[in-house]
Every structure is written in C-alpha cells, then in structure tokens.
C-alpha cells in the first residue's frame, strides 16, 4: 500500500497533466506482456512487427521497462509540466537527470543488469542520450500515427474530471479515479502489490496523469518532491474500435455528413480527430459543426490549445430514437 500525504492544503495543489513519456513507458510494458492488456491487442499486433524489425524492444528502452508489476525506475517519467504534452521537452528533462539519481534508482531493480543497462549505470550521461534516441524512434514507429486519437481520449478525460471536481468536490474526484485508489483522512491510498517506493506521509500536492496504456492498473511515483499517479483514462475501451455508423434514418434528416459526425462524437473530439474518423475534410467538419451547434446538437469547449466538440442531450436522444 502506498500512502501519498494529501491534507486539505495538499488537495488544493492537486493538478492534472498529460505526458508522452508515461504513454511510452506504459506502452512498452503493454508490448512486454500483451495478455495483461487485452484492450490494446489491436495496437500491439500492429506495431510489434515494426519494432521487432529494428530490434527496438531488445535495446536499452526494452531492458529498462519490465513486465508488470516490476519496478519502473522513476527517472523514466519525470513530472509532466501541463496539459500540452511535448515529447522533446520531456526528453530534455530526462537527459538532464543527475547521474546519482540514475544509479540510485537502477540499484532498486532486481536481478543482474542487462548489458545496455550496465552501460547506462557506468555512464549515465551517454546512456540517457542513447535512451532518448530510442524513445524518439519508438514514438515514431508505435505512437505518432495514433497520437491524435490518444490525445482526444486524454483531453476528454481531463474535461470529464474537471466537471466531476466542480460537481462533487475533491473527494468525489479522487475516490472515482480507480478501484485501487481511495482518499482517507489526510492520505491518498493506492493498493499495489509491488512497490519499491517509500510511503510519503507529508505530500506537497499530487500530479494526476490520465493514460491510455496504463490500463487496467495504476502506476504511482510516491518518492521525490512531486508525487504522481498515472491512471486509466475513460474511453480506453473504444480507443481502437472503428467509430459507430450513423443510423440511416438520422442521415436522411440531417444529411450523412452531419449524422456521421454525431455518431463519432461518443467522446469530446477535435476537428482534426473528427476528420480522421469520418473521412470528411477538416473544412467540411467545421462547417457541419457550426450547423450542429446552431441547432443545439453540439457544444464546443476549449481544452488547452484544442477546441473539443461533444454531443448534447438532444443529440443523444436523436441517435437513440433513430437507432
């Protein structure tokens, strides 16, 4: 059991953040043991051959990330800055990790060190540069193509949690994150069978990191100045599915394009993501969304630099009735 100190003052400093590195590390863990992460099998089956072709999972990155529930060195996931994730910025932080921190956390890893990890231990500066290069290659081969749909799920999750906080307060938010997480008294308790990090009795706030690849579990970093909790974002179950088809009856009334947009808005999505899912041009999506907003079927809100659209209750009723 991990206990992250969260007094009333600590709760006031809880924040959300999105992280490319969390998705990388959790994604590599999925690929190490796909059977534990069945939802992601379509993705794993698609990207594994690309990674195997260049031997990427056999390199330093693959050797550092153990199958669940093994210890993941904390320096691999430095605290993310905010809601606009940037891989290059996160890699710069990773490369700047002090050598003593790298060695201290590698000492927590059980068993003999593979060759690439031993080289990282001997020369952390050179090893971190090699690791950053491998992460960049992994991102291009395994994540970049799907990043817009992943990002849409993460943005929708943050929007949902912000509403939950406004409606139910901090207790409602924290106790609804995951079945293994609960807030009691002055601590956030995380039930984990294997955790080498020490308990933190006096936390200084907490960074909540929604993730798609961390499903179905949670990952926490309780050590250090900034505790982190990565948890599964809502909507992961439909991440790799094709969008639902719009009912023909609704298409006859609204037009096929607008009906397809409503069907694709099963979660808040950007114009770019809607264009990718429906096959419409971004300009066409924008025109249809303008008409749907005017009719009270769609609402749009800003999330960071993105504008996300979602269905209204009237649109839900139309889809239900026409189906």
C-alpha atoms as a PDB file:
ATOM      1  CA  UNK A   1       0.000   0.000   0.000  1.00  0.00           C
ATOM      2  CA  UNK A   2       1.335   3.407  -0.988  1.00  0.00           C
ATOM      3  CA  UNK A   3       0.188   6.404   1.041  1.00  0.00           C
ATOM      4  CA  UNK A   4       0.605   9.849  -0.509  1.00  0.00           C
ATOM      5  CA  UNK A   5       0.021  12.573   2.046  1.00  0.00           C
ATOM      6  CA  UNK A   6      -2.905  14.742   0.993  1.00  0.00           C
ATOM      7  CA  UNK A   7      -4.136  17.111   3.652  1.00  0.00           C
ATOM      8  CA  UNK A   8      -6.725  19.749   2.820  1.00  0.00           C
ATOM      9  CA  UNK A   9      -3.886  22.023   1.752  1.00  0.00           C
ATOM     10  CA  UNK A  10      -2.371  19.264  -0.355  1.00  0.00           C
ATOM     11  CA  UNK A  11      -5.651  18.676  -2.168  1.00  0.00           C
ATOM     12  CA  UNK A  12      -5.662  22.335  -3.150  1.00  0.00           C
ATOM     13  CA  UNK A  13      -2.409  21.665  -5.041  1.00  0.00           C
ATOM     14  CA  UNK A  14      -3.611  18.600  -6.965  1.00  0.00           C
ATOM     15  CA  UNK A  15      -3.305  19.138 -10.703  1.00  0.00           C
ATOM     16  CA  UNK A  16      -3.739  17.193 -13.940  1.00  0.00           C
ATOM     17  CA  UNK A  17      -1.043  16.774 -16.564  1.00  0.00           C
ATOM     18  CA  UNK A  18      -0.549  14.803 -19.781  1.00  0.00           C
ATOM     19  CA  UNK A  19       2.699  13.030 -20.555  1.00  0.00           C
ATOM     20  CA  UNK A  20       4.236  11.497 -23.662  1.00  0.00           C
ATOM     21  CA  UNK A  21       6.807   9.621 -21.572  1.00  0.00           C
ATOM     22  CA  UNK A  22       4.138   7.989 -19.425  1.00  0.00           C
ATOM     23  CA  UNK A  23       2.484   6.704 -22.603  1.00  0.00           C
ATOM     24  CA  UNK A  24       5.819   5.437 -23.909  1.00  0.00           C
ATOM     25  CA  UNK A  25       6.736   3.542 -20.740  1.00  0.00           C
ATOM     26  CA  UNK A  26       3.262   2.138 -20.208  1.00  0.00           C
ATOM     27  CA  UNK A  27       3.067   1.210 -23.900  1.00  0.00           C
ATOM     28  CA  UNK A  28       6.357  -0.713 -23.764  1.00  0.00           C
ATOM     29  CA  UNK A  29       5.005  -2.560 -20.735  1.00  0.00           C
ATOM     30  CA  UNK A  30       1.914  -3.495 -22.777  1.00  0.00           C
ATOM     31  CA  UNK A  31       4.144  -4.894 -25.510  1.00  0.00           C
ATOM     32  CA  UNK A  32       6.183  -6.872 -22.993  1.00  0.00           C
ATOM     33  CA  UNK A  33       3.046  -8.720 -21.849  1.00  0.00           C
ATOM     34  CA  UNK A  34       0.075  -8.064 -24.186  1.00  0.00           C
ATOM     35  CA  UNK A  35      -2.075 -10.697 -22.492  1.00  0.00           C
ATOM     36  CA  UNK A  36      -2.429  -8.492 -19.410  1.00  0.00           C
ATOM     37  CA  UNK A  37      -3.676  -5.600 -21.550  1.00  0.00           C
ATOM     38  CA  UNK A  38      -6.205  -7.207 -23.889  1.00  0.00           C
ATOM     39  CA  UNK A  39      -7.866  -3.907 -24.856  1.00  0.00           C
ATOM     40  CA  UNK A  40      -4.634  -2.862 -26.573  1.00  0.00           C
ATOM     41  CA  UNK A  41      -4.108  -6.074 -28.556  1.00  0.00           C
ATOM     42  CA  UNK A  42      -5.154  -4.463 -31.902  1.00  0.00           C
ATOM     43  CA  UNK A  43      -2.494  -1.803 -31.391  1.00  0.00           C
ATOM     44  CA  UNK A  44       0.124  -4.250 -30.096  1.00  0.00           C
ATOM     45  CA  UNK A  45      -0.366  -6.628 -33.022  1.00  0.00           C
ATOM     46  CA  UNK A  46       0.001  -3.751 -35.456  1.00  0.00           C
ATOM     47  CA  UNK A  47       3.137  -2.082 -34.055  1.00  0.00           C
ATOM     48  CA  UNK A  48       5.119  -5.067 -32.739  1.00  0.00           C
ATOM     49  CA  UNK A  49       6.404  -6.135 -36.209  1.00  0.00           C
ATOM     50  CA  UNK A  50       7.677  -2.588 -36.876  1.00  0.00           C
ATOM     51  CA  UNK A  51       9.550  -2.512 -33.574  1.00  0.00           C
ATOM     52  CA  UNK A  52      10.883  -6.043 -33.979  1.00  0.00           C
ATOM     53  CA  UNK A  53      12.259  -5.181 -37.409  1.00  0.00           C
ATOM     54  CA  UNK A  54      14.653  -2.651 -35.870  1.00  0.00           C
ATOM     55  CA  UNK A  55      15.173  -4.569 -32.599  1.00  0.00           C
ATOM     56  CA  UNK A  56      13.927  -1.662 -30.539  1.00  0.00           C
ATOM     57  CA  UNK A  57      12.341  -3.671 -27.709  1.00  0.00           C
ATOM     58  CA  UNK A  58      15.647  -5.506 -27.220  1.00  0.00           C
ATOM     59  CA  UNK A  59      17.559  -2.277 -26.659  1.00  0.00           C
ATOM     60  CA  UNK A  60      18.017  -0.074 -23.618  1.00  0.00           C
ATOM     61  CA  UNK A  61      14.378   1.053 -23.544  1.00  0.00           C
ATOM     62  CA  UNK A  62      13.066  -2.509 -23.587  1.00  0.00           C
ATOM     63  CA  UNK A  63      15.564  -3.607 -20.932  1.00  0.00           C
ATOM     64  CA  UNK A  64      14.606  -0.763 -18.575  1.00  0.00           C
ATOM     65  CA  UNK A  65      10.840  -1.401 -18.700  1.00  0.00           C
ATOM     66  CA  UNK A  66       9.913  -4.694 -17.018  1.00  0.00           C
ATOM     67  CA  UNK A  67       6.602  -6.526 -17.424  1.00  0.00           C
ATOM     68  CA  UNK A  68       4.003  -5.610 -14.792  1.00  0.00           C
ATOM     69  CA  UNK A  69       4.267  -5.433 -11.835  1.00  0.00           C
ATOM     70  CA  UNK A  70       8.055  -4.978 -11.908  1.00  0.00           C
ATOM     71  CA  UNK A  71       9.709  -1.769 -10.745  1.00  0.00           C
ATOM     72  CA  UNK A  72       9.880   1.029 -13.323  1.00  0.00           C
ATOM     73  CA  UNK A  73      12.722   3.466 -12.493  1.00  0.00           C
ATOM     74  CA  UNK A  74      11.225   6.808 -11.572  1.00  0.00           C
ATOM     75  CA  UNK A  75      13.602   8.889 -13.720  1.00  0.00           C
ATOM     76  CA  UNK A  76      11.885   7.472 -16.816  1.00  0.00           C
ATOM     77  CA  UNK A  77       8.753   9.502 -16.040  1.00  0.00           C
ATOM     78  CA  UNK A  78       9.690  12.953 -14.703  1.00  0.00           C
ATOM     79  CA  UNK A  79       6.767  15.112 -13.539  1.00  0.00           C
ATOM     80  CA  UNK A  80       4.942  16.433 -16.639  1.00  0.00           C
ATOM     81  CA  UNK A  81       4.509  20.163 -16.939  1.00  0.00           C
ATOM     82  CA  UNK A  82       0.878  20.591 -18.004  1.00  0.00           C
ATOM     83  CA  UNK A  83      -1.925  19.717 -20.389  1.00  0.00           C
ATOM     84  CA  UNK A  84       0.003  20.285 -23.628  1.00  0.00           C
ATOM     85  CA  UNK A  85       2.423  17.334 -23.758  1.00  0.00           C
ATOM     86  CA  UNK A  86       5.634  17.766 -25.718  1.00  0.00           C
ATOM     87  CA  UNK A  87       7.931  14.782 -26.214  1.00  0.00           C
ATOM     88  CA  UNK A  88      11.013  16.893 -26.969  1.00  0.00           C
ATOM     89  CA  UNK A  89      10.621  18.882 -23.752  1.00  0.00           C
ATOM     90  CA  UNK A  90      10.129  15.742 -21.693  1.00  0.00           C
ATOM     91  CA  UNK A  91      13.200  14.121 -23.276  1.00  0.00           C
ATOM     92  CA  UNK A  92      15.251  17.204 -22.394  1.00  0.00           C
ATOM     93  CA  UNK A  93      14.243  16.733 -18.744  1.00  0.00           C
ATOM     94  CA  UNK A  94      15.064  13.033 -18.957  1.00  0.00           C
ATOM     95  CA  UNK A  95      18.538  13.695 -20.401  1.00  0.00           C
ATOM     96  CA  UNK A  96      19.218  16.150 -17.554  1.00  0.00           C
ATOM     97  CA  UNK A  97      18.643  13.535 -14.822  1.00  0.00           C
ATOM     98  CA  UNK A  98      21.600  13.640 -12.368  1.00  0.00           C
ATOM     99  CA  UNK A  99      23.874  10.570 -12.635  1.00  0.00           C
ATOM    100  CA  UNK A 100      23.483   9.802  -8.933  1.00  0.00           C
ATOM    101  CA  UNK A 101      19.700   9.643  -9.361  1.00  0.00           C
ATOM    102  CA  UNK A 102      20.014   7.245 -12.285  1.00  0.00           C
ATOM    103  CA  UNK A 103      22.349   4.931 -10.360  1.00  0.00           C
ATOM    104  CA  UNK A 104      20.307   5.041  -7.155  1.00  0.00           C
ATOM    105  CA  UNK A 105      17.121   4.015  -8.963  1.00  0.00           C
ATOM    106  CA  UNK A 106      18.828   1.347 -11.041  1.00  0.00           C
ATOM    107  CA  UNK A 107      20.045  -0.127  -7.747  1.00  0.00           C
ATOM    108  CA  UNK A 108      16.388  -0.782  -6.909  1.00  0.00           C
ATOM    109  CA  UNK A 109      15.951  -3.016  -9.973  1.00  0.00           C
ATOM    110  CA  UNK A 110      16.211  -6.701  -9.006  1.00  0.00           C
ATOM    111  CA  UNK A 111      18.412  -9.256 -10.702  1.00  0.00           C
ATOM    112  CA  UNK A 112      21.527  -8.877 -12.870  1.00  0.00           C
ATOM    113  CA  UNK A 113      21.758  -5.877 -15.150  1.00  0.00           C
ATOM    114  CA  UNK A 114      21.460  -6.480 -18.901  1.00  0.00           C
ATOM    115  CA  UNK A 115      24.364  -5.144 -20.935  1.00  0.00           C
ATOM    116  CA  UNK A 116      22.682  -1.916 -22.077  1.00  0.00           C
ATOM    117  CA  UNK A 117      21.523  -1.095 -18.534  1.00  0.00           C
ATOM    118  CA  UNK A 118      25.021  -1.786 -17.198  1.00  0.00           C
ATOM    119  CA  UNK A 119      26.380   0.715 -19.734  1.00  0.00           C
ATOM    120  CA  UNK A 120      23.794   3.274 -18.574  1.00  0.00           C
ATOM    121  CA  UNK A 121      24.892   2.698 -14.954  1.00  0.00           C
ATOM    122  CA  UNK A 122      28.558   3.135 -15.870  1.00  0.00           C
ATOM    123  CA  UNK A 123      27.994   6.305 -17.933  1.00  0.00           C
ATOM    124  CA  UNK A 124      24.577   7.858 -17.218  1.00  0.00           C
ATOM    125  CA  UNK A 125      25.084  10.881 -19.494  1.00  0.00           C
ATOM    126  CA  UNK A 126      25.839   8.811 -22.582  1.00  0.00           C
ATOM    127  CA  UNK A 127      23.204   6.230 -21.634  1.00  0.00           C
ATOM    128  CA  UNK A 128      20.476   8.846 -21.278  1.00  0.00           C
ATOM    129  CA  UNK A 129      21.317  10.261 -24.711  1.00  0.00           C
ATOM    130  CA  UNK A 130      21.010   6.763 -26.176  1.00  0.00           C
ATOM    131  CA  UNK A 131      17.756   6.213 -24.300  1.00  0.00           C
ATOM    132  CA  UNK A 132      16.289   9.481 -25.618  1.00  0.00           C
ATOM    133  CA  UNK A 133      17.130   8.424 -29.178  1.00  0.00           C
ATOM    134  CA  UNK A 134      15.438   5.053 -28.684  1.00  0.00           C
ATOM    135  CA  UNK A 135      12.347   6.716 -27.205  1.00  0.00           C
ATOM    136  CA  UNK A 136      12.145   9.047 -30.202  1.00  0.00           C
ATOM    137  CA  UNK A 137      12.348   6.076 -32.580  1.00  0.00           C
ATOM    138  CA  UNK A 138       9.733   4.179 -30.577  1.00  0.00           C
ATOM    139  CA  UNK A 139       7.400   7.190 -30.704  1.00  0.00           C
ATOM    140  CA  UNK A 140       7.671   7.482 -34.477  1.00  0.00           C
ATOM    141  CA  UNK A 141       7.048   3.772 -35.048  1.00  0.00           C
ATOM    142  CA  UNK A 142       4.471   2.956 -32.379  1.00  0.00           C
ATOM    143  CA  UNK A 143       2.671   6.079 -31.195  1.00  0.00           C
ATOM    144  CA  UNK A 144       2.831   9.013 -33.627  1.00  0.00           C
ATOM    145  CA  UNK A 145       0.202   7.670 -36.037  1.00  0.00           C
ATOM    146  CA  UNK A 146      -2.307   7.127 -33.217  1.00  0.00           C
ATOM    147  CA  UNK A 147      -1.400  10.144 -31.100  1.00  0.00           C
ATOM    148  CA  UNK A 148      -4.346  12.315 -32.271  1.00  0.00           C
ATOM    149  CA  UNK A 149      -6.914   9.702 -31.162  1.00  0.00           C
ATOM    150  CA  UNK A 150      -4.987   9.028 -27.933  1.00  0.00           C
ATOM    151  CA  UNK A 151      -4.787  12.747 -27.229  1.00  0.00           C
ATOM    152  CA  UNK A 152      -8.531  13.120 -27.826  1.00  0.00           C
ATOM    153  CA  UNK A 153      -9.237  10.466 -25.182  1.00  0.00           C
ATOM    154  CA  UNK A 154      -6.885  12.156 -22.701  1.00  0.00           C
ATOM    155  CA  UNK A 155      -8.361  15.621 -23.313  1.00  0.00           C
ATOM    156  CA  UNK A 156     -11.862  14.251 -22.855  1.00  0.00           C
ATOM    157  CA  UNK A 157     -10.784  12.626 -19.595  1.00  0.00           C
ATOM    158  CA  UNK A 158      -9.430  15.892 -18.197  1.00  0.00           C
ATOM    159  CA  UNK A 159     -12.633  17.681 -19.209  1.00  0.00           C
ATOM    160  CA  UNK A 160     -14.743  14.997 -17.502  1.00  0.00           C
ATOM    161  CA  UNK A 161     -12.689  15.128 -14.302  1.00  0.00           C
ATOM    162  CA  UNK A 162     -12.846  18.913 -14.171  1.00  0.00           C
ATOM    163  CA  UNK A 163     -16.650  18.686 -14.252  1.00  0.00           C
ATOM    164  CA  UNK A 164     -16.563  15.960 -11.610  1.00  0.00           C
ATOM    165  CA  UNK A 165     -14.468  18.174  -9.357  1.00  0.00           C
ATOM    166  CA  UNK A 166     -16.892  21.071  -9.833  1.00  0.00           C
ATOM    167  CA  UNK A 167     -19.942  18.894  -9.108  1.00  0.00           C
ATOM    168  CA  UNK A 168     -18.677  16.556  -6.339  1.00  0.00           C
ATOM    169  CA  UNK A 169     -15.583  18.176  -4.879  1.00  0.00           C
ATOM    170  CA  UNK A 170     -12.144  16.667  -4.286  1.00  0.00           C
ATOM    171  CA  UNK A 171     -13.454  13.563  -2.500  1.00  0.00           C
ATOM    172  CA  UNK A 172     -15.742  12.678  -5.389  1.00  0.00           C
ATOM    173  CA  UNK A 173     -12.898  13.185  -7.861  1.00  0.00           C
ATOM    174  CA  UNK A 174     -10.194  11.218  -6.029  1.00  0.00           C
ATOM    175  CA  UNK A 175     -12.387   8.299  -4.996  1.00  0.00           C
ATOM    176  CA  UNK A 176     -13.613   7.817  -8.569  1.00  0.00           C
ATOM    177  CA  UNK A 177     -10.208   7.537 -10.269  1.00  0.00           C
ATOM    178  CA  UNK A 178      -9.711   3.759  -9.928  1.00  0.00           C
ATOM    179  CA  UNK A 179     -10.812   0.859  -7.751  1.00  0.00           C
ATOM    180  CA  UNK A 180      -7.319   0.695  -6.216  1.00  0.00           C
ATOM    181  CA  UNK A 181      -7.312   4.356  -5.221  1.00  0.00           C
ATOM    182  CA  UNK A 182      -9.122   5.940  -2.295  1.00  0.00           C
ATOM    183  CA  UNK A 183      -8.767   9.100  -0.247  1.00  0.00           C
ATOM    184  CA  UNK A 184      -8.994   8.629   3.509  1.00  0.00           C
ATOM    185  CA  UNK A 185      -8.189  11.247   6.088  1.00  0.00           C
ATOM    186  CA  UNK A 186      -5.023  13.004   5.050  1.00  0.00           C
ATOM    187  CA  UNK A 187      -3.711  10.419   2.585  1.00  0.00           C
ATOM    188  CA  UNK A 188      -4.399   9.060  -0.871  1.00  0.00           C
ATOM    189  CA  UNK A 189      -4.096   5.277  -0.530  1.00  0.00           C
ATOM    190  CA  UNK A 190      -3.022   3.233  -3.553  1.00  0.00           C
ATOM    191  CA  UNK A 191      -3.303  -0.529  -3.343  1.00  0.00           C
ATOM    192  CA  UNK A 192      -0.313  -2.035  -5.160  1.00  0.00           C
ATOM    193  CA  UNK A 193       1.130  -5.475  -4.572  1.00  0.00           C
ATOM    194  CA  UNK A 194       4.633  -4.450  -5.619  1.00  0.00           C
ATOM    195  CA  UNK A 195       6.013  -1.024  -4.930  1.00  0.00           C
ATOM    196  CA  UNK A 196       9.622  -0.214  -4.002  1.00  0.00           C
ATOM    197  CA  UNK A 197       8.934   3.468  -3.415  1.00  0.00           C
ATOM    198  CA  UNK A 198       8.587   4.592   0.207  1.00  0.00           C
ATOM    199  CA  UNK A 199       5.339   5.919   1.597  1.00  0.00           C
ATOM    200  CA  UNK A 200       5.049   9.684   1.654  1.00  0.00           C
ATOM    201  CA  UNK A 201       3.412  10.918   4.870  1.00  0.00           C
ATOM    202  CA  UNK A 202       3.565  14.630   4.021  1.00  0.00           C
ATOM    203  CA  UNK A 203       2.861  15.251   0.363  1.00  0.00           C
ATOM    204  CA  UNK A 204       3.173  18.591  -1.388  1.00  0.00           C
ATOM    205  CA  UNK A 205       0.313  18.075  -3.769  1.00  0.00           C
ATOM    206  CA  UNK A 206      -0.112  15.446  -6.463  1.00  0.00           C
ATOM    207  CA  UNK A 207       0.053  15.219 -10.261  1.00  0.00           C
ATOM    208  CA  UNK A 208      -2.741  13.103 -11.752  1.00  0.00           C
ATOM    209  CA  UNK A 209      -1.725  11.713 -15.155  1.00  0.00           C
ATOM    210  CA  UNK A 210      -4.514  10.123 -17.231  1.00  0.00           C
ATOM    211  CA  UNK A 211      -3.106   7.482 -19.567  1.00  0.00           C
ATOM    212  CA  UNK A 212      -4.399   5.022 -22.142  1.00  0.00           C
ATOM    213  CA  UNK A 213      -1.643   2.405 -21.963  1.00  0.00           C
ATOM    214  CA  UNK A 214      -1.532   2.173 -18.161  1.00  0.00           C
ATOM    215  CA  UNK A 215      -4.882   0.314 -18.304  1.00  0.00           C
ATOM    216  CA  UNK A 216      -6.069  -1.723 -16.419  1.00  0.00           C
ATOM    217  CA  UNK A 217      -3.945  -0.800 -13.400  1.00  0.00           C
ATOM    218  CA  UNK A 218      -2.431   2.341 -11.911  1.00  0.00           C
ATOM    219  CA  UNK A 219       1.201   3.392 -11.604  1.00  0.00           C
ATOM    220  CA  UNK A 220       2.459   5.710  -8.908  1.00  0.00           C
ATOM    221  CA  UNK A 221       5.599   7.598  -8.025  1.00  0.00           C
ATOM    222  CA  UNK A 222       5.485   8.472  -4.360  1.00  0.00           C
ATOM    223  CA  UNK A 223       9.170   9.273  -3.904  1.00  0.00           C
ATOM    224  CA  UNK A 224      10.620  12.695  -4.647  1.00  0.00           C
ATOM    225  CA  UNK A 225       9.251  16.204  -4.458  1.00  0.00           C
ATOM    226  CA  UNK A 226       6.300  15.691  -6.833  1.00  0.00           C
ATOM    227  CA  UNK A 227       4.210  12.529  -6.305  1.00  0.00           C
ATOM    228  CA  UNK A 228       2.498  11.245  -9.454  1.00  0.00           C
ATOM    229  CA  UNK A 229      -0.397   8.907 -10.113  1.00  0.00           C
ATOM    230  CA  UNK A 230      -0.967   7.576 -13.632  1.00  0.00           C
ATOM    231  CA  UNK A 231      -4.424   6.031 -14.027  1.00  0.00           C
ATOM    232  CA  UNK A 232      -6.543   4.746 -16.958  1.00  0.00           C
ATOM    233  CA  UNK A 233      -8.490   7.383 -18.837  1.00  0.00           C
ATOM    234  CA  UNK A 234     -12.167   6.859 -19.545  1.00  0.00           C
ATOM    235  CA  UNK A 235     -12.875   5.817 -23.119  1.00  0.00           C
ATOM    236  CA  UNK A 236      -9.899   3.457 -23.433  1.00  0.00           C
ATOM    237  CA  UNK A 237     -12.263   0.564 -24.191  1.00  0.00           C
ATOM    238  CA  UNK A 238     -13.264   2.072 -27.526  1.00  0.00           C
ATOM    239  CA  UNK A 239      -9.883   3.526 -28.467  1.00  0.00           C
ATOM    240  CA  UNK A 240      -9.062   1.010 -31.186  1.00  0.00           C
ATOM    241  CA  UNK A 241     -12.605   0.474 -32.443  1.00  0.00           C
ATOM    242  CA  UNK A 242     -13.970   1.941 -35.657  1.00  0.00           C
ATOM    243  CA  UNK A 243     -16.467   4.754 -34.977  1.00  0.00           C
ATOM    244  CA  UNK A 244     -20.106   3.758 -34.891  1.00  0.00           C
ATOM    245  CA  UNK A 245     -22.081   4.207 -38.082  1.00  0.00           C
ATOM    246  CA  UNK A 246     -24.838   6.779 -38.058  1.00  0.00           C
ATOM    247  CA  UNK A 247     -28.364   5.372 -38.410  1.00  0.00           C
ATOM    248  CA  UNK A 248     -29.679   5.734 -41.957  1.00  0.00           C
ATOM    249  CA  UNK A 249     -32.860   7.382 -40.693  1.00  0.00           C
ATOM    250  CA  UNK A 250     -30.899  10.152 -38.995  1.00  0.00           C
ATOM    251  CA  UNK A 251     -28.762  10.625 -42.094  1.00  0.00           C
ATOM    252  CA  UNK A 252     -31.903  11.121 -44.166  1.00  0.00           C
ATOM    253  CA  UNK A 253     -32.934  14.004 -41.896  1.00  0.00           C
ATOM    254  CA  UNK A 254     -29.627  15.711 -41.084  1.00  0.00           C
ATOM    255  CA  UNK A 255     -27.527  14.606 -44.030  1.00  0.00           C
ATOM    256  CA  UNK A 256     -24.965  11.805 -43.965  1.00  0.00           C
ATOM    257  CA  UNK A 257     -22.032  14.029 -43.054  1.00  0.00           C
ATOM    258  CA  UNK A 258     -23.670  15.608 -40.015  1.00  0.00           C
ATOM    259  CA  UNK A 259     -25.098  12.268 -38.880  1.00  0.00           C
ATOM    260  CA  UNK A 260     -21.647  10.680 -39.122  1.00  0.00           C
ATOM    261  CA  UNK A 261     -20.198  13.484 -37.023  1.00  0.00           C
ATOM    262  CA  UNK A 262     -22.782  12.967 -34.290  1.00  0.00           C
ATOM    263  CA  UNK A 263     -22.057   9.233 -34.270  1.00  0.00           C
ATOM    264  CA  UNK A 264     -18.311   9.917 -33.971  1.00  0.00           C
ATOM    265  CA  UNK A 265     -18.833  12.269 -31.007  1.00  0.00           C
ATOM    266  CA  UNK A 266     -19.105   9.439 -28.467  1.00  0.00           C
ATOM    267  CA  UNK A 267     -16.420  11.437 -26.610  1.00  0.00           C
ATOM    268  CA  UNK A 268     -15.297  15.069 -26.953  1.00  0.00           C
ATOM    269  CA  UNK A 269     -13.135  15.322 -30.063  1.00  0.00           C
ATOM    270  CA  UNK A 270     -11.187  17.918 -32.034  1.00  0.00           C
ATOM    271  CA  UNK A 271     -11.895  18.865 -35.630  1.00  0.00           C
ATOM    272  CA  UNK A 272      -8.738  17.035 -36.740  1.00  0.00           C
ATOM    273  CA  UNK A 273      -9.741  13.829 -34.975  1.00  0.00           C
ATOM    274  CA  UNK A 274     -13.289  14.031 -36.362  1.00  0.00           C
ATOM    275  CA  UNK A 275     -11.918  14.455 -39.881  1.00  0.00           C
ATOM    276  CA  UNK A 276      -9.699  11.401 -39.425  1.00  0.00           C
ATOM    277  CA  UNK A 277     -12.538   9.291 -38.039  1.00  0.00           C
ATOM    278  CA  UNK A 278     -15.194  10.264 -40.570  1.00  0.00           C
ATOM    279  CA  UNK A 279     -13.154  10.789 -43.722  1.00  0.00           C
ATOM    280  CA  UNK A 280     -14.505  14.322 -44.101  1.00  0.00           C
ATOM    281  CA  UNK A 281     -12.182  17.244 -44.740  1.00  0.00           C
ATOM    282  CA  UNK A 282     -11.354  19.492 -41.749  1.00  0.00           C
ATOM    283  CA  UNK A 283     -13.133  22.380 -43.501  1.00  0.00           C
ATOM    284  CA  UNK A 284     -16.228  20.214 -44.032  1.00  0.00           C
ATOM    285  CA  UNK A 285     -16.179  19.120 -40.390  1.00  0.00           C
ATOM    286  CA  UNK A 286     -16.018  22.771 -39.270  1.00  0.00           C
ATOM    287  CA  UNK A 287     -18.990  23.723 -41.441  1.00  0.00           C
ATOM    288  CA  UNK A 288     -21.099  20.821 -40.192  1.00  0.00           C
ATOM    289  CA  UNK A 289     -20.189  21.535 -36.552  1.00  0.00           C
ATOM    290  CA  UNK A 290     -21.275  25.150 -36.976  1.00  0.00           C
ATOM    291  CA  UNK A 291     -24.690  23.988 -38.200  1.00  0.00           C
ATOM    292  CA  UNK A 292     -24.993  21.361 -35.443  1.00  0.00           C
ATOM    293  CA  UNK A 293     -24.106  23.919 -32.755  1.00  0.00           C
ATOM    294  CA  UNK A 294     -26.726  26.307 -34.098  1.00  0.00           C
ATOM    295  CA  UNK A 295     -29.302  23.509 -33.844  1.00  0.00           C
ATOM    296  CA  UNK A 296     -28.356  22.754 -30.237  1.00  0.00           C
ATOM    297  CA  UNK A 297     -26.935  19.321 -31.051  1.00  0.00           C
ATOM    298  CA  UNK A 298     -23.269  20.045 -30.331  1.00  0.00           C
ATOM    299  CA  UNK A 299     -21.354  22.157 -27.822  1.00  0.00           C
ATOM    300  CA  UNK A 300     -17.689  23.146 -28.089  1.00  0.00           C
ATOM    301  CA  UNK A 301     -15.207  23.993 -25.348  1.00  0.00           C
ATOM    302  CA  UNK A 302     -11.507  24.813 -25.212  1.00  0.00           C
ATOM    303  CA  UNK A 303      -9.046  22.322 -23.712  1.00  0.00           C
ATOM    304  CA  UNK A 304      -5.537  23.779 -23.733  1.00  0.00           C
ATOM    305  CA  UNK A 305      -4.853  24.724 -27.357  1.00  0.00           C
ATOM    306  CA  UNK A 306      -7.566  22.447 -28.710  1.00  0.00           C
ATOM    307  CA  UNK A 307     -11.267  23.006 -29.312  1.00  0.00           C
ATOM    308  CA  UNK A 308     -13.270  19.896 -28.426  1.00  0.00           C
ATOM    309  CA  UNK A 309     -16.854  19.292 -29.538  1.00  0.00           C
ATOM    310  CA  UNK A 310     -19.318  16.964 -27.825  1.00  0.00           C
ATOM    311  CA  UNK A 311     -22.937  15.880 -28.270  1.00  0.00           C
ATOM    312  CA  UNK A 312     -25.749  17.462 -26.272  1.00  0.00           C
ATOM    313  CA  UNK A 313     -28.560  15.560 -24.594  1.00  0.00           C
ATOM    314  CA  UNK A 314     -30.813  16.408 -27.545  1.00  0.00           C
ATOM    315  CA  UNK A 315     -28.321  14.750 -29.923  1.00  0.00           C
ATOM    316  CA  UNK A 316     -28.142  11.670 -27.700  1.00  0.00           C
ATOM    317  CA  UNK A 317     -31.922  11.406 -27.825  1.00  0.00           C
ATOM    318  CA  UNK A 318     -31.940  11.734 -31.624  1.00  0.00           C
ATOM    319  CA  UNK A 319     -29.334   8.998 -32.022  1.00  0.00           C
ATOM    320  CA  UNK A 320     -31.188   6.719 -29.620  1.00  0.00           C
ATOM    321  CA  UNK A 321     -34.542   7.233 -31.276  1.00  0.00           C
ATOM    322  CA  UNK A 322     -33.276   6.759 -34.827  1.00  0.00           C
ATOM    323  CA  UNK A 323     -31.377   3.594 -33.850  1.00  0.00           C
END
